[in-house]
Amino acid sequence: MKINIHKKRQEITAHLKELGVMEKIDENQIEIYLLNLKSYWDYEEYFKTHDRTIVTHSAAGVIRYAQKVPEVDFQNANWNIIQKLSTEFGLTPKSRAAIKAEKNKSEEDEFEILRKGLVF
């Protein structure tokens, strides 16, 4: 997957600033997110032509054991970072809902304002 990191960073940054959860200092974290995302997809491309496991054989040709290649761990590490940063910046539906709920808590709803006005 081809990702233009600079363009994507601008898109995500603009969206997060609109939500009110982005500061200038956070842009580095967005870049880390995008670099890990790019790396994750690069490994996906790699695995289209390479196996995810290595099988070792004994001298007699009997399969000893199979193990995953190190690239699988690297891809998993990328995915874990992506998940953590996605949650941190409201890039998942659940975290976005929490951010919106936080914003709404600070604003009193119309019924509360009306109720306060009617209390003697």
PDB file of N, CA and C in Angstrom:
ATOM      1  N   MET A   1       0.850  -1.181   0.000  1.00  0.00           N
ATOM      2  CA  MET A   1       0.000   0.000   0.000  1.00  0.00           C
ATOM      3  C   MET A   1       0.887   1.233   0.000  1.00  0.00           C
ATOM      4  N   LYS A   2       0.639   2.108  -0.922  1.00  0.00           N
ATOM      5  CA  LYS A   2       1.414   3.339  -1.025  1.00  0.00           C
ATOM      6  C   LYS A   2       0.773   4.400  -0.138  1.00  0.00           C
ATOM      7  N   ILE A   3       1.554   4.924   0.797  1.00  0.00           N
ATOM      8  CA  ILE A   3       1.061   5.958   1.701  1.00  0.00           C
ATOM      9  C   ILE A   3       1.945   7.185   1.564  1.00  0.00           C
ATOM     10  N   ASN A   4       1.347   8.311   1.240  1.00  0.00           N
ATOM     11  CA  ASN A   4       2.069   9.573   1.237  1.00  0.00           C
ATOM     12  C   ASN A   4       1.993  10.106   2.673  1.00  0.00           C
ATOM     13  N   ILE A   5       3.065   9.886   3.428  1.00  0.00           N
ATOM     14  CA  ILE A   5       3.050  10.188   4.856  1.00  0.00           C
ATOM     15  C   ILE A   5       2.790  11.670   5.117  1.00  0.00           C
ATOM     16  N   HIS A   6       3.404  12.542   4.335  1.00  0.00           N
ATOM     17  CA  HIS A   6       3.232  13.986   4.551  1.00  0.00           C
ATOM     18  C   HIS A   6       1.772  14.402   4.335  1.00  0.00           C
ATOM     19  N   LYS A   7       1.177  13.925   3.251  1.00  0.00           N
ATOM     20  CA  LYS A   7      -0.219  14.271   2.941  1.00  0.00           C
ATOM     21  C   LYS A   7      -1.168  13.695   3.989  1.00  0.00           C
ATOM     22  N   LYS A   8      -0.956  12.429   4.352  1.00  0.00           N
ATOM     23  CA  LYS A   8      -1.813  11.793   5.358  1.00  0.00           C
ATOM     24  C   LYS A   8      -1.693  12.501   6.704  1.00  0.00           C
ATOM     25  N   ARG A   9      -0.456  12.883   7.074  1.00  0.00           N
ATOM     26  CA  ARG A   9      -0.262  13.576   8.342  1.00  0.00           C
ATOM     27  C   ARG A   9      -1.070  14.869   8.371  1.00  0.00           C
ATOM     28  N   GLN A  10      -1.067  15.605   7.260  1.00  0.00           N
ATOM     29  CA  GLN A  10      -1.842  16.839   7.190  1.00  0.00           C
ATOM     30  C   GLN A  10      -3.339  16.566   7.326  1.00  0.00           C
ATOM     31  N   GLU A  11      -3.829  15.520   6.674  1.00  0.00           N
ATOM     32  CA  GLU A  11      -5.254  15.179   6.752  1.00  0.00           C
ATOM     33  C   GLU A  11      -5.656  14.809   8.182  1.00  0.00           C
ATOM     34  N   ILE A  12      -4.881  13.927   8.784  1.00  0.00           N
ATOM     35  CA  ILE A  12      -5.201  13.467  10.141  1.00  0.00           C
ATOM     36  C   ILE A  12      -5.066  14.614  11.135  1.00  0.00           C
ATOM     37  N   THR A  13      -4.020  15.414  10.982  1.00  0.00           N
ATOM     38  CA  THR A  13      -3.810  16.543  11.889  1.00  0.00           C
ATOM     39  C   THR A  13      -4.977  17.519  11.814  1.00  0.00           C
ATOM     40  N   ALA A  14      -5.420  17.823  10.613  1.00  0.00           N
ATOM     41  CA  ALA A  14      -6.555  18.743  10.452  1.00  0.00           C
ATOM     42  C   ALA A  14      -7.803  18.183  11.126  1.00  0.00           C
ATOM     43  N   HIS A  15      -8.039  16.899  10.945  1.00  0.00           N
ATOM     44  CA  HIS A  15      -9.215  16.267  11.553  1.00  0.00           C
ATOM     45  C   HIS A  15      -9.132  16.298  13.083  1.00  0.00           C
ATOM     46  N   LEU A  16      -7.974  15.993  13.623  1.00  0.00           N
ATOM     47  CA  LEU A  16      -7.814  15.962  15.083  1.00  0.00           C
ATOM     48  C   LEU A  16      -7.881  17.358  15.687  1.00  0.00           C
ATOM     49  N   LYS A  17      -7.381  18.345  14.966  1.00  0.00           N
ATOM     50  CA  LYS A  17      -7.498  19.730  15.451  1.00  0.00           C
ATOM     51  C   LYS A  17      -8.959  20.146  15.491  1.00  0.00           C
ATOM     52  N   GLU A  18      -9.715  19.688  14.485  1.00  0.00           N
ATOM     53  CA  GLU A  18     -11.152  19.972  14.439  1.00  0.00           C
ATOM     54  C   GLU A  18     -11.867  19.361  15.647  1.00  0.00           C
ATOM     55  N   LEU A  19     -11.435  18.158  16.050  1.00  0.00           N
ATOM     56  CA  LEU A  19     -12.016  17.509  17.226  1.00  0.00           C
ATOM     57  C   LEU A  19     -11.542  18.144  18.527  1.00  0.00           C
ATOM     58  N   GLY A  20     -10.475  18.930  18.442  1.00  0.00           N
ATOM     59  CA  GLY A  20      -9.955  19.582  19.640  1.00  0.00           C
ATOM     60  C   GLY A  20      -9.036  18.709  20.470  1.00  0.00           C
ATOM     61  N   VAL A  21      -8.447  17.680  19.866  1.00  0.00           N
ATOM     62  CA  VAL A  21      -7.569  16.779  20.622  1.00  0.00           C
ATOM     63  C   VAL A  21      -6.132  16.823  20.119  1.00  0.00           C
ATOM     64  N   MET A  22      -5.813  17.815  19.301  1.00  0.00           N
ATOM     65  CA  MET A  22      -4.492  17.871  18.680  1.00  0.00           C
ATOM     66  C   MET A  22      -3.749  19.130  19.066  1.00  0.00           C
ATOM     67  N   GLU A  23      -2.520  18.956  19.479  1.00  0.00           N
ATOM     68  CA  GLU A  23      -1.618  20.064  19.741  1.00  0.00           C
ATOM     69  C   GLU A  23      -0.455  19.952  18.763  1.00  0.00           C
ATOM     70  N   LYS A  24       0.288  21.010  18.590  1.00  0.00           N
ATOM     71  CA  LYS A  24       1.428  21.015  17.669  1.00  0.00           C
ATOM     72  C   LYS A  24       2.419  19.902  18.001  1.00  0.00           C
ATOM     73  N   ILE A  25       2.657  19.686  19.278  1.00  0.00           N
ATOM     74  CA  ILE A  25       3.631  18.678  19.706  1.00  0.00           C
ATOM     75  C   ILE A  25       3.198  17.259  19.340  1.00  0.00           C
ATOM     76  N   ASP A  26       1.898  17.053  19.150  1.00  0.00           N
ATOM     77  CA  ASP A  26       1.376  15.723  18.830  1.00  0.00           C
ATOM     78  C   ASP A  26       1.655  15.303  17.389  1.00  0.00           C
ATOM     79  N   GLU A  27       2.076  16.237  16.547  1.00  0.00           N
ATOM     80  CA  GLU A  27       2.303  15.906  15.143  1.00  0.00           C
ATOM     81  C   GLU A  27       3.389  14.851  14.981  1.00  0.00           C
ATOM     82  N   ASN A  28       4.366  14.830  15.868  1.00  0.00           N
ATOM     83  CA  ASN A  28       5.399  13.795  15.807  1.00  0.00           C
ATOM     84  C   ASN A  28       4.803  12.419  16.051  1.00  0.00           C
ATOM     85  N   GLN A  29       3.848  12.341  16.962  1.00  0.00           N
ATOM     86  CA  GLN A  29       3.188  11.064  17.229  1.00  0.00           C
ATOM     87  C   GLN A  29       2.386  10.593  16.021  1.00  0.00           C
ATOM     88  N   ILE A  30       1.784  11.530  15.321  1.00  0.00           N
ATOM     89  CA  ILE A  30       1.041  11.183  14.105  1.00  0.00           C
ATOM     90  C   ILE A  30       2.003  10.628  13.061  1.00  0.00           C
ATOM     91  N   GLU A  31       3.177  11.236  12.961  1.00  0.00           N
ATOM     92  CA  GLU A  31       4.161  10.742  12.004  1.00  0.00           C
ATOM     93  C   GLU A  31       4.628   9.330  12.388  1.00  0.00           C
ATOM     94  N   ILE A  32       4.810   9.080  13.671  1.00  0.00           N
ATOM     95  CA  ILE A  32       5.177   7.743  14.133  1.00  0.00           C
ATOM     96  C   ILE A  32       4.065   6.751  13.767  1.00  0.00           C
ATOM     97  N   TYR A  33       2.826   7.168  13.979  1.00  0.00           N
ATOM     98  CA  TYR A  33       1.673   6.342  13.608  1.00  0.00           C
ATOM     99  C   TYR A  33       1.733   5.978  12.120  1.00  0.00           C
ATOM    100  N   LEU A  34       1.957   6.977  11.290  1.00  0.00           N
ATOM    101  CA  LEU A  34       1.951   6.744   9.845  1.00  0.00           C
ATOM    102  C   LEU A  34       3.148   5.907   9.394  1.00  0.00           C
ATOM    103  N   LEU A  35       4.308   6.117   9.991  1.00  0.00           N
ATOM    104  CA  LEU A  35       5.474   5.298   9.644  1.00  0.00           C
ATOM    105  C   LEU A  35       5.231   3.833   9.994  1.00  0.00           C
ATOM    106  N   ASN A  36       4.603   3.589  11.138  1.00  0.00           N
ATOM    107  CA  ASN A  36       4.278   2.214  11.520  1.00  0.00           C
ATOM    108  C   ASN A  36       3.211   1.626  10.609  1.00  0.00           C
ATOM    109  N   LEU A  37       2.260   2.438  10.201  1.00  0.00           N
ATOM    110  CA  LEU A  37       1.231   1.983   9.271  1.00  0.00           C
ATOM    111  C   LEU A  37       1.853   1.593   7.932  1.00  0.00           C
ATOM    112  N   LYS A  38       2.755   2.427   7.447  1.00  0.00           N
ATOM    113  CA  LYS A  38       3.447   2.130   6.190  1.00  0.00           C
ATOM    114  C   LYS A  38       4.268   0.849   6.328  1.00  0.00           C
ATOM    115  N   SER A  39       4.979   0.721   7.415  1.00  0.00           N
ATOM    116  CA  SER A  39       5.784  -0.471   7.645  1.00  0.00           C
ATOM    117  C   SER A  39       4.906  -1.721   7.708  1.00  0.00           C
ATOM    118  N   TYR A  40       3.766  -1.612   8.383  1.00  0.00           N
ATOM    119  CA  TYR A  40       2.827  -2.731   8.476  1.00  0.00           C
ATOM    120  C   TYR A  40       2.416  -3.200   7.079  1.00  0.00           C
ATOM    121  N   TRP A  41       2.031  -2.253   6.227  1.00  0.00           N
ATOM    122  CA  TRP A  41       1.582  -2.613   4.885  1.00  0.00           C
ATOM    123  C   TRP A  41       2.744  -3.098   4.024  1.00  0.00           C
ATOM    124  N   ASP A  42       3.951  -2.602   4.261  1.00  0.00           N
ATOM    125  CA  ASP A  42       5.120  -3.119   3.541  1.00  0.00           C
ATOM    126  C   ASP A  42       5.329  -4.599   3.870  1.00  0.00           C
ATOM    127  N   TYR A  43       5.142  -4.964   5.136  1.00  0.00           N
ATOM    128  CA  TYR A  43       5.252  -6.371   5.509  1.00  0.00           C
ATOM    129  C   TYR A  43       4.145  -7.207   4.868  1.00  0.00           C
ATOM    130  N   GLU A  44       2.950  -6.641   4.746  1.00  0.00           N
ATOM    131  CA  GLU A  44       1.870  -7.358   4.054  1.00  0.00           C
ATOM    132  C   GLU A  44       2.274  -7.664   2.613  1.00  0.00           C
ATOM    133  N   GLU A  45       2.885  -6.685   1.961  1.00  0.00           N
ATOM    134  CA  GLU A  45       3.364  -6.901   0.594  1.00  0.00           C
ATOM    135  C   GLU A  45       4.448  -7.978   0.572  1.00  0.00           C
ATOM    136  N   TYR A  46       5.347  -7.928   1.529  1.00  0.00           N
ATOM    137  CA  TYR A  46       6.427  -8.906   1.635  1.00  0.00           C
ATOM    138  C   TYR A  46       5.863 -10.323   1.779  1.00  0.00           C
ATOM    139  N   PHE A  47       4.822 -10.460   2.593  1.00  0.00           N
ATOM    140  CA  PHE A  47       4.257 -11.784   2.843  1.00  0.00           C
ATOM    141  C   PHE A  47       3.449 -12.325   1.664  1.00  0.00           C
ATOM    142  N   LYS A  48       3.192 -11.505   0.692  1.00  0.00           N
ATOM    143  CA  LYS A  48       2.532 -12.017  -0.522  1.00  0.00           C
ATOM    144  C   LYS A  48       3.475 -12.929  -1.313  1.00  0.00           C
ATOM    145  N   THR A  49       4.774 -12.722  -1.141  1.00  0.00           N
ATOM    146  CA  THR A  49       5.746 -13.528  -1.889  1.00  0.00           C
ATOM    147  C   THR A  49       6.635 -14.390  -0.989  1.00  0.00           C
ATOM    148  N   HIS A  50       6.516 -14.237   0.315  1.00  0.00           N
ATOM    149  CA  HIS A  50       7.336 -15.002   1.256  1.00  0.00           C
ATOM    150  C   HIS A  50       6.435 -15.679   2.293  1.00  0.00           C
ATOM    151  N   ASP A  51       6.914 -16.803   2.787  1.00  0.00           N
ATOM    152  CA  ASP A  51       6.173 -17.510   3.830  1.00  0.00           C
ATOM    153  C   ASP A  51       6.319 -16.802   5.173  1.00  0.00           C
ATOM    154  N   ARG A  52       5.345 -17.025   6.028  1.00  0.00           N
ATOM    155  CA  ARG A  52       5.393 -16.472   7.385  1.00  0.00           C
ATOM    156  C   ARG A  52       6.071 -17.426   8.364  1.00  0.00           C
ATOM    157  N   THR A  53       6.383 -18.620   7.910  1.00  0.00           N
ATOM    158  CA  THR A  53       7.025 -19.607   8.786  1.00  0.00           C
ATOM    159  C   THR A  53       8.259 -20.202   8.115  1.00  0.00           C
ATOM    160  N   ILE A  54       9.129 -20.735   8.958  1.00  0.00           N
ATOM    161  CA  ILE A  54      10.307 -21.481   8.512  1.00  0.00           C
ATOM    162  C   ILE A  54      10.151 -22.890   9.068  1.00  0.00           C
ATOM    163  N   VAL A  55      10.358 -23.869   8.215  1.00  0.00           N
ATOM    164  CA  VAL A  55      10.280 -25.262   8.647  1.00  0.00           C
ATOM    165  C   VAL A  55      11.695 -25.831   8.614  1.00  0.00           C
ATOM    166  N   THR A  56      12.110 -26.392   9.725  1.00  0.00           N
ATOM    167  CA  THR A  56      13.441 -27.008   9.779  1.00  0.00           C
ATOM    168  C   THR A  56      13.294 -28.525   9.717  1.00  0.00           C
ATOM    169  N   HIS A  57      14.262 -29.146   9.088  1.00  0.00           N
ATOM    170  CA  HIS A  57      14.247 -30.602   8.919  1.00  0.00           C
ATOM    171  C   HIS A  57      15.480 -31.204   9.587  1.00  0.00           C
ATOM    172  N   SER A  58      15.339 -32.431   9.991  1.00  0.00           N
ATOM    173  CA  SER A  58      16.488 -33.166  10.513  1.00  0.00           C
ATOM    174  C   SER A  58      17.316 -33.668   9.329  1.00  0.00           C
ATOM    175  N   ALA A  59      18.447 -34.272   9.612  1.00  0.00           N
ATOM    176  CA  ALA A  59      19.298 -34.802   8.547  1.00  0.00           C
ATOM    177  C   ALA A  59      18.570 -35.867   7.737  1.00  0.00           C
ATOM    178  N   ALA A  60      17.641 -36.559   8.352  1.00  0.00           N
ATOM    179  CA  ALA A  60      16.883 -37.613   7.666  1.00  0.00           C
ATOM    180  C   ALA A  60      15.717 -37.046   6.863  1.00  0.00           C
ATOM    181  N   GLY A  61      15.530 -35.725   6.941  1.00  0.00           N
ATOM    182  CA  GLY A  61      14.447 -35.103   6.177  1.00  0.00           C
ATOM    183  C   GLY A  61      13.128 -35.012   6.920  1.00  0.00           C
ATOM    184  N   VAL A  62      13.128 -35.402   8.185  1.00  0.00           N
ATOM    185  CA  VAL A  62      11.918 -35.331   8.991  1.00  0.00           C
ATOM    186  C   VAL A  62      11.751 -33.894   9.491  1.00  0.00           C
ATOM    187  N   ILE A  63      10.529 -33.420   9.469  1.00  0.00           N
ATOM    188  CA  ILE A  63      10.282 -32.056   9.956  1.00  0.00           C
ATOM    189  C   ILE A  63      10.527 -32.018  11.458  1.00  0.00           C
ATOM    190  N   ARG A  64      11.393 -31.133  11.883  1.00  0.00           N
ATOM    191  CA  ARG A  64      11.655 -30.963  13.317  1.00  0.00           C
ATOM    192  C   ARG A  64      10.605 -30.047  13.930  1.00  0.00           C
ATOM    193  N   TYR A  65      10.544 -28.834  13.405  1.00  0.00           N
ATOM    194  CA  TYR A  65       9.561 -27.878  13.909  1.00  0.00           C
ATOM    195  C   TYR A  65       9.406 -26.725  12.922  1.00  0.00           C
ATOM    196  N   ALA A  66       8.349 -25.996  13.100  1.00  0.00           N
ATOM    197  CA  ALA A  66       8.104 -24.801  12.298  1.00  0.00           C
ATOM    198  C   ALA A  66       8.099 -23.605  13.240  1.00  0.00           C
ATOM    199  N   GLN A  67       8.624 -22.515  12.763  1.00  0.00           N
ATOM    200  CA  GLN A  67       8.601 -21.296  13.564  1.00  0.00           C
ATOM    201  C   GLN A  67       8.320 -20.106  12.658  1.00  0.00           C
ATOM    202  N   LYS A  68       7.799 -19.070  13.234  1.00  0.00           N
ATOM    203  CA  LYS A  68       7.499 -17.887  12.433  1.00  0.00           C
ATOM    204  C   LYS A  68       8.794 -17.122  12.134  1.00  0.00           C
ATOM    205  N   VAL A  69       8.776 -16.430  11.009  1.00  0.00           N
ATOM    206  CA  VAL A  69       9.933 -15.623  10.635  1.00  0.00           C
ATOM    207  C   VAL A  69       9.918 -14.330  11.465  1.00  0.00           C
ATOM    208  N   PRO A  70      11.075 -13.709  11.684  1.00  0.00           N
ATOM    209  CA  PRO A  70      11.124 -12.491  12.506  1.00  0.00           C
ATOM    210  C   PRO A  70      10.243 -11.365  11.981  1.00  0.00           C
ATOM    211  N   GLU A  71      10.022 -11.325  10.680  1.00  0.00           N
ATOM    212  CA  GLU A  71       9.193 -10.261  10.097  1.00  0.00           C
ATOM    213  C   GLU A  71       7.776 -10.260  10.663  1.00  0.00           C
ATOM    214  N   VAL A  72       7.289 -11.419  11.076  1.00  0.00           N
ATOM    215  CA  VAL A  72       5.955 -11.507  11.683  1.00  0.00           C
ATOM    216  C   VAL A  72       5.936 -10.709  12.988  1.00  0.00           C
ATOM    217  N   ASP A  73       6.976 -10.857  13.795  1.00  0.00           N
ATOM    218  CA  ASP A  73       7.056 -10.093  15.048  1.00  0.00           C
ATOM    219  C   ASP A  73       7.161  -8.592  14.782  1.00  0.00           C
ATOM    220  N   PHE A  74       7.924  -8.229  13.757  1.00  0.00           N
ATOM    221  CA  PHE A  74       8.052  -6.804  13.423  1.00  0.00           C
ATOM    222  C   PHE A  74       6.697  -6.232  13.005  1.00  0.00           C
ATOM    223  N   GLN A  75       5.967  -6.997  12.201  1.00  0.00           N
ATOM    224  CA  GLN A  75       4.650  -6.538  11.759  1.00  0.00           C
ATOM    225  C   GLN A  75       3.691  -6.437  12.951  1.00  0.00           C
ATOM    226  N   ASN A  76       3.744  -7.404  13.847  1.00  0.00           N
ATOM    227  CA  ASN A  76       2.891  -7.355  15.035  1.00  0.00           C
ATOM    228  C   ASN A  76       3.232  -6.150  15.908  1.00  0.00           C
ATOM    229  N   ALA A  77       4.512  -5.839  16.037  1.00  0.00           N
ATOM    230  CA  ALA A  77       4.918  -4.662  16.814  1.00  0.00           C
ATOM    231  C   ALA A  77       4.370  -3.397  16.174  1.00  0.00           C
ATOM    232  N   ASN A  78       4.438  -3.315  14.841  1.00  0.00           N
ATOM    233  CA  ASN A  78       3.855  -2.171  14.137  1.00  0.00           C
ATOM    234  C   ASN A  78       2.367  -2.061  14.423  1.00  0.00           C
ATOM    235  N   TRP A  79       1.675  -3.196  14.380  1.00  0.00           N
ATOM    236  CA  TRP A  79       0.228  -3.190  14.612  1.00  0.00           C
ATOM    237  C   TRP A  79      -0.111  -2.718  16.027  1.00  0.00           C
ATOM    238  N   ASN A  80       0.660  -3.163  17.012  1.00  0.00           N
ATOM    239  CA  ASN A  80       0.406  -2.742  18.395  1.00  0.00           C
ATOM    240  C   ASN A  80       0.580  -1.242  18.564  1.00  0.00           C
ATOM    241  N   ILE A  81       1.596  -0.685  17.936  1.00  0.00           N
ATOM    242  CA  ILE A  81       1.806   0.769  18.000  1.00  0.00           C
ATOM    243  C   ILE A  81       0.669   1.495  17.306  1.00  0.00           C
ATOM    244  N   ILE A  82       0.254   0.984  16.156  1.00  0.00           N
ATOM    245  CA  ILE A  82      -0.865   1.586  15.416  1.00  0.00           C
ATOM    246  C   ILE A  82      -2.120   1.607  16.279  1.00  0.00           C
ATOM    247  N   GLN A  83      -2.424   0.492  16.929  1.00  0.00           N
ATOM    248  CA  GLN A  83      -3.623   0.425  17.775  1.00  0.00           C
ATOM    249  C   GLN A  83      -3.556   1.425  18.931  1.00  0.00           C
ATOM    250  N   LYS A  84      -2.424   1.485  19.604  1.00  0.00           N
ATOM    251  CA  LYS A  84      -2.289   2.398  20.747  1.00  0.00           C
ATOM    252  C   LYS A  84      -2.441   3.848  20.319  1.00  0.00           C
ATOM    253  N   LEU A  85      -1.780   4.230  19.231  1.00  0.00           N
ATOM    254  CA  LEU A  85      -1.868   5.614  18.781  1.00  0.00           C
ATOM    255  C   LEU A  85      -3.237   5.931  18.192  1.00  0.00           C
ATOM    256  N   SER A  86      -3.869   4.954  17.570  1.00  0.00           N
ATOM    257  CA  SER A  86      -5.230   5.175  17.047  1.00  0.00           C
ATOM    258  C   SER A  86      -6.184   5.510  18.182  1.00  0.00           C
ATOM    259  N   THR A  87      -6.073   4.778  19.267  1.00  0.00           N
ATOM    260  CA  THR A  87      -6.923   5.019  20.421  1.00  0.00           C
ATOM    261  C   THR A  87      -6.594   6.366  21.067  1.00  0.00           C
ATOM    262  N   GLU A  88      -5.321   6.661  21.156  1.00  0.00           N
ATOM    263  CA  GLU A  88      -4.866   7.907  21.778  1.00  0.00           C
ATOM    264  C   GLU A  88      -5.405   9.137  21.058  1.00  0.00           C
ATOM    265  N   PHE A  89      -5.466   9.067  19.745  1.00  0.00           N
ATOM    266  CA  PHE A  89      -5.855  10.235  18.957  1.00  0.00           C
ATOM    267  C   PHE A  89      -7.288  10.199  18.449  1.00  0.00           C
ATOM    268  N   GLY A  90      -8.090   9.277  18.915  1.00  0.00           N
ATOM    269  CA  GLY A  90      -9.488   9.259  18.507  1.00  0.00           C
ATOM    270  C   GLY A  90      -9.693   8.764  17.089  1.00  0.00           C
ATOM    271  N   LEU A  91      -8.839   7.862  16.637  1.00  0.00           N
ATOM    272  CA  LEU A  91      -8.956   7.349  15.279  1.00  0.00           C
ATOM    273  C   LEU A  91      -9.749   6.045  15.217  1.00  0.00           C
ATOM    274  N   THR A  92     -10.321   5.635  16.340  1.00  0.00           N
ATOM    275  CA  THR A  92     -11.214   4.478  16.359  1.00  0.00           C
ATOM    276  C   THR A  92     -12.606   4.973  16.740  1.00  0.00           C
ATOM    277  N   PRO A  93     -13.646   4.281  16.318  1.00  0.00           N
ATOM    278  CA  PRO A  93     -15.008   4.733  16.651  1.00  0.00           C
ATOM    279  C   PRO A  93     -15.228   4.887  18.163  1.00  0.00           C
ATOM    280  N   LYS A  94     -14.722   3.943  18.939  1.00  0.00           N
ATOM    281  CA  LYS A  94     -14.927   3.990  20.390  1.00  0.00           C
ATOM    282  C   LYS A  94     -14.225   5.198  21.012  1.00  0.00           C
ATOM    283  N   SER A  95     -12.981   5.448  20.607  1.00  0.00           N
ATOM    284  CA  SER A  95     -12.256   6.577  21.190  1.00  0.00           C
ATOM    285  C   SER A  95     -12.833   7.906  20.714  1.00  0.00           C
ATOM    286  N   ARG A  96     -13.350   7.953  19.468  1.00  0.00           N
ATOM    287  CA  ARG A  96     -13.990   9.175  18.984  1.00  0.00           C
ATOM    288  C   ARG A  96     -15.255   9.468  19.781  1.00  0.00           C
ATOM    289  N   ALA A  97     -16.012   8.423  20.094  1.00  0.00           N
ATOM    290  CA  ALA A  97     -17.234   8.601  20.886  1.00  0.00           C
ATOM    291  C   ALA A  97     -16.888   9.124  22.270  1.00  0.00           C
ATOM    292  N   ALA A  98     -15.803   8.640  22.848  1.00  0.00           N
ATOM    293  CA  ALA A  98     -15.383   9.114  24.171  1.00  0.00           C
ATOM    294  C   ALA A  98     -14.983  10.576  24.122  1.00  0.00           C
ATOM    295  N   ILE A  99     -14.316  10.983  23.053  1.00  0.00           N
ATOM    296  CA  ILE A  99     -13.913  12.386  22.904  1.00  0.00           C
ATOM    297  C   ILE A  99     -15.136  13.266  22.776  1.00  0.00           C
ATOM    298  N   LYS A 100     -16.102  12.849  21.966  1.00  0.00           N
ATOM    299  CA  LYS A 100     -17.334  13.629  21.791  1.00  0.00           C
ATOM    300  C   LYS A 100     -18.108  13.705  23.101  1.00  0.00           C
ATOM    301  N   ALA A 101     -18.122  12.617  23.862  1.00  0.00           N
ATOM    302  CA  ALA A 101     -18.810  12.612  25.150  1.00  0.00           C
ATOM    303  C   ALA A 101     -18.142  13.581  26.108  1.00  0.00           C
ATOM    304  N   GLU A 102     -16.821  13.633  26.099  1.00  0.00           N
ATOM    305  CA  GLU A 102     -16.082  14.576  26.947  1.00  0.00           C
ATOM    306  C   GLU A 102     -16.455  16.013  26.593  1.00  0.00           C
ATOM    307  N   LYS A 103     -16.521  16.317  25.293  1.00  0.00           N
ATOM    308  CA  LYS A 103     -16.875  17.666  24.860  1.00  0.00           C
ATOM    309  C   LYS A 103     -18.281  18.025  25.323  1.00  0.00           C
ATOM    310  N   ASN A 104     -19.203  17.078  25.223  1.00  0.00           N
ATOM    311  CA  ASN A 104     -20.596  17.341  25.575  1.00  0.00           C
ATOM    312  C   ASN A 104     -20.793  17.479  27.080  1.00  0.00           C
ATOM    313  N   LYS A 105     -19.926  16.870  27.880  1.00  0.00           N
ATOM    314  CA  LYS A 105     -20.055  16.978  29.331  1.00  0.00           C
ATOM    315  C   LYS A 105     -19.871  18.416  29.802  1.00  0.00           C
ATOM    316  N   SER A 106     -18.988  19.136  29.136  1.00  0.00           N
ATOM    317  CA  SER A 106     -18.712  20.500  29.567  1.00  0.00           C
ATOM    318  C   SER A 106     -19.860  21.452  29.218  1.00  0.00           C
ATOM    319  N   GLU A 107     -20.627  21.120  28.212  1.00  0.00           N
ATOM    320  CA  GLU A 107     -21.753  21.956  27.823  1.00  0.00           C
ATOM    321  C   GLU A 107     -23.022  21.440  28.510  1.00  0.00           C
ATOM    322  N   GLU A 108     -23.733  22.337  29.134  1.00  0.00           N
ATOM    323  CA  GLU A 108     -24.989  21.917  29.752  1.00  0.00           C
ATOM    324  C   GLU A 108     -26.046  21.752  28.672  1.00  0.00           C
ATOM    325  N   ASP A 109     -26.832  20.717  28.783  1.00  0.00           N
ATOM    326  CA  ASP A 109     -27.874  20.558  27.783  1.00  0.00           C
ATOM    327  C   ASP A 109     -29.025  21.517  28.068  1.00  0.00           C
ATOM    328  N   GLU A 110     -29.840  21.703  27.077  1.00  0.00           N
ATOM    329  CA  GLU A 110     -30.926  22.689  27.158  1.00  0.00           C
ATOM    330  C   GLU A 110     -31.893  22.381  28.296  1.00  0.00           C
ATOM    331  N   PHE A 111     -32.169  21.123  28.531  1.00  0.00           N
ATOM    332  CA  PHE A 111     -33.096  20.762  29.599  1.00  0.00           C
ATOM    333  C   PHE A 111     -32.540  21.188  30.954  1.00  0.00           C
ATOM    334  N   GLU A 112     -31.242  20.978  31.171  1.00  0.00           N
ATOM    335  CA  GLU A 112     -30.615  21.361  32.443  1.00  0.00           C
ATOM    336  C   GLU A 112     -30.724  22.866  32.647  1.00  0.00           C
ATOM    337  N   ILE A 113     -30.476  23.627  31.606  1.00  0.00           N
ATOM    338  CA  ILE A 113     -30.559  25.094  31.694  1.00  0.00           C
ATOM    339  C   ILE A 113     -31.989  25.509  32.008  1.00  0.00           C
ATOM    340  N   LEU A 114     -32.963  24.881  31.353  1.00  0.00           N
ATOM    341  CA  LEU A 114     -34.364  25.184  31.588  1.00  0.00           C
ATOM    342  C   LEU A 114     -34.758  24.821  33.004  1.00  0.00           C
ATOM    343  N   ARG A 115     -34.315  23.653  33.474  1.00  0.00           N
ATOM    344  CA  ARG A 115     -34.650  23.205  34.824  1.00  0.00           C
ATOM    345  C   ARG A 115     -34.083  24.175  35.857  1.00  0.00           C
ATOM    346  N   LYS A 116     -32.859  24.624  35.672  1.00  0.00           N
ATOM    347  CA  LYS A 116     -32.257  25.558  36.613  1.00  0.00           C
ATOM    348  C   LYS A 116     -33.026  26.875  36.649  1.00  0.00           C
ATOM    349  N   GLY A 117     -33.534  27.285  35.500  1.00  0.00           N
ATOM    350  CA  GLY A 117     -34.288  28.522  35.425  1.00  0.00           C
ATOM    351  C   GLY A 117     -35.643  28.435  36.108  1.00  0.00           C
ATOM    352  N   LEU A 118     -36.226  27.230  36.207  1.00  0.00           N
ATOM    353  CA  LEU A 118     -37.536  27.055  36.800  1.00  0.00           C
ATOM    354  C   LEU A 118     -37.486  26.797  38.293  1.00  0.00           C
ATOM    355  N   VAL A 119     -36.301  26.462  38.816  1.00  0.00           N
ATOM    356  CA  VAL A 119     -36.181  26.187  40.243  1.00  0.00           C
ATOM    357  C   VAL A 119     -36.191  27.514  41.004  1.00  0.00           C
ATOM    358  N   PHE A 120     -37.041  27.598  42.054  1.00  0.00           N
ATOM    359  CA  PHE A 120     -37.168  28.846  42.823  1.00  0.00           C
ATOM    360  C   PHE A 120     -36.236  28.843  44.000  1.00  0.00           C
TER     361      PHE A 120
END
